[in-house]
Amino acid sequence: MNDKNHKEIIEVKEVEAERINNNETFKPRFKAIRLSPLFLVGILIYVVTAFWGLFICFDVVKEVFGPIIAFLGLIFFPFILALAPWYAALANHDFYPLLIVYGGAILGTFCFRFAMTSTFKR
């Protein structure tokens, strides 16, 4: 039993050594993603549209339900803020909140995906 364990450990070490020799480690690739300008643009898009969308959706909820319910909804029922852009688009024909929230998410995801595929194609 001990010889079998010893043999498995040696095989695992050989596989790891072969993988390291073949440059199959991912550390340099992750550093390249972190420093990619497109990755940083994606983060910036997410942050800006998240806060911008939060304020716009909070304003929509505040107009419909009032400031107290909007504040309580922000703290206890945040799903209301996810429905606010759709409400503004369907009830008021105002597509601006929908464009900011979901358009920013799609654009940020596109930047992340493009940065990932360009980094891992190497």
Protein backbone atom coordinates (compact mmCIF):
# COMPACT_ATOMS: atom_id res chain seq x y z
CA MET A 1 0.00 0.00 0.00
CA ASN A 2 2.80 2.41 0.86
CA ASP A 3 4.61 1.63 -2.42
CA LYS A 4 1.42 2.39 -4.35
CA ASN A 5 1.08 5.79 -2.63
CA HIS A 6 4.74 6.53 -3.26
CA LYS A 7 4.34 5.60 -6.94
CA GLU A 8 1.29 7.88 -7.30
CA ILE A 9 3.16 10.79 -5.69
CA ILE A 10 6.07 10.32 -8.08
CA GLU A 11 3.68 10.23 -11.07
CA VAL A 12 1.95 13.42 -9.91
CA LYS A 13 5.30 15.17 -9.48
CA GLU A 14 6.34 14.08 -12.98
CA VAL A 15 3.11 15.41 -14.46
CA GLU A 16 3.54 18.73 -12.62
CA ALA A 17 7.16 19.02 -13.76
CA GLU A 18 6.13 18.31 -17.36
CA ARG A 19 3.37 20.92 -17.16
CA ILE A 20 5.77 23.53 -15.82
CA ASN A 21 8.29 22.70 -18.53
CA ASN A 22 5.62 23.11 -21.20
CA ASN A 23 4.73 26.59 -19.86
CA GLU A 24 1.16 25.60 -19.07
CA THR A 25 0.95 27.79 -16.00
CA PHE A 26 -1.61 30.58 -16.12
CA LYS A 27 0.08 33.23 -13.97
CA PRO A 28 1.54 35.30 -16.83
CA ARG A 29 -1.75 35.23 -18.69
CA PHE A 30 -3.70 36.51 -15.68
CA LYS A 31 -1.19 39.33 -15.25
CA ALA A 32 -1.72 40.22 -18.89
CA ILE A 33 -5.49 40.34 -18.36
CA ARG A 34 -5.10 42.53 -15.30
CA LEU A 35 -2.94 45.02 -17.20
CA SER A 36 -4.94 44.94 -20.42
CA PRO A 37 -6.40 48.36 -21.28
CA LEU A 38 -9.62 46.75 -22.46
CA PHE A 39 -10.00 44.98 -19.11
CA LEU A 40 -9.58 48.30 -17.31
CA VAL A 41 -12.09 49.94 -19.66
CA GLY A 42 -14.56 47.15 -18.84
CA ILE A 43 -14.14 47.77 -15.11
CA LEU A 44 -14.61 51.50 -15.64
CA ILE A 45 -17.78 50.91 -17.68
CA TYR A 46 -19.19 48.60 -14.99
CA VAL A 47 -18.49 51.04 -12.15
CA VAL A 48 -19.77 54.15 -13.93
CA THR A 49 -22.94 52.55 -15.28
CA ALA A 50 -23.63 50.79 -11.97
CA PHE A 51 -23.64 54.00 -9.97
CA TRP A 52 -25.31 56.01 -12.72
CA GLY A 53 -28.00 53.35 -13.08
CA LEU A 54 -28.46 53.17 -9.31
CA PHE A 55 -29.19 56.88 -9.10
CA ILE A 56 -31.48 56.84 -12.14
CA CYS A 57 -33.43 53.80 -10.93
CA PHE A 58 -33.68 55.24 -7.43
CA ASP A 59 -35.14 58.40 -8.97
CA VAL A 60 -37.70 56.34 -10.94
CA VAL A 61 -38.77 54.47 -7.79
CA LYS A 62 -38.87 57.75 -5.85
CA GLU A 63 -41.18 59.33 -8.45
CA VAL A 64 -43.57 56.38 -8.35
CA PHE A 65 -43.62 55.45 -4.64
CA GLY A 66 -42.18 58.46 -2.83
CA PRO A 67 -38.85 58.99 -1.08
CA ILE A 68 -39.50 56.91 2.05
CA ILE A 69 -40.60 53.80 0.15
CA ALA A 70 -37.73 54.30 -2.31
CA PHE A 71 -35.21 54.37 0.53
CA LEU A 72 -36.74 51.30 2.19
CA GLY A 73 -36.82 49.58 -1.18
CA LEU A 74 -33.15 50.37 -1.67
CA ILE A 75 -32.26 48.74 1.65
CA PHE A 76 -34.75 45.86 1.99
CA PHE A 77 -36.06 45.20 -1.54
CA PRO A 78 -33.27 45.91 -4.05
CA PHE A 79 -35.05 43.87 -6.74
CA ILE A 80 -37.31 46.91 -7.18
CA LEU A 81 -34.31 48.75 -8.59
CA ALA A 82 -33.83 45.96 -11.13
CA LEU A 83 -37.43 46.38 -12.28
CA ALA A 84 -37.32 50.20 -12.35
CA PRO A 85 -35.70 50.55 -15.82
CA TRP A 86 -38.30 48.20 -17.30
CA TYR A 87 -41.11 50.13 -15.62
CA ALA A 88 -39.73 53.41 -16.97
CA ALA A 89 -39.51 51.94 -20.46
CA LEU A 90 -42.97 50.35 -20.50
CA ALA A 91 -45.01 52.90 -18.55
CA ASN A 92 -43.30 56.18 -19.39
CA HIS A 93 -41.70 55.27 -22.74
CA ASP A 94 -38.38 56.40 -21.26
CA PHE A 95 -35.69 54.00 -22.44
CA TYR A 96 -32.83 55.99 -20.93
CA PRO A 97 -32.57 53.98 -17.65
CA LEU A 98 -32.81 50.70 -19.54
CA LEU A 99 -30.09 51.81 -21.93
CA ILE A 100 -27.78 52.91 -19.12
CA VAL A 101 -28.21 49.85 -16.88
CA TYR A 102 -28.38 46.98 -19.36
CA GLY A 103 -26.42 48.65 -22.15
CA GLY A 104 -23.55 49.33 -19.76
CA ALA A 105 -23.62 45.74 -18.52
CA ILE A 106 -23.54 44.40 -22.07
CA LEU A 107 -20.76 46.77 -23.13
CA GLY A 108 -18.67 45.98 -20.03
CA THR A 109 -19.13 42.26 -20.59
CA PHE A 110 -18.11 42.66 -24.22
CA CYS A 111 -14.90 44.42 -23.13
CA PHE A 112 -14.14 41.68 -20.60
CA ARG A 113 -14.78 38.92 -23.13
CA PHE A 114 -12.66 40.58 -25.78
CA ALA A 115 -9.81 41.09 -23.28
CA MET A 116 -10.04 37.44 -22.19
CA THR A 117 -10.10 36.00 -25.71
CA SER A 118 -7.26 38.20 -26.91
CA THR A 119 -5.17 37.22 -23.88
CA PHE A 120 -5.80 33.47 -24.07
CA LYS A 121 -5.29 33.24 -27.85
CA ARG A 122 -1.54 33.70 -27.39
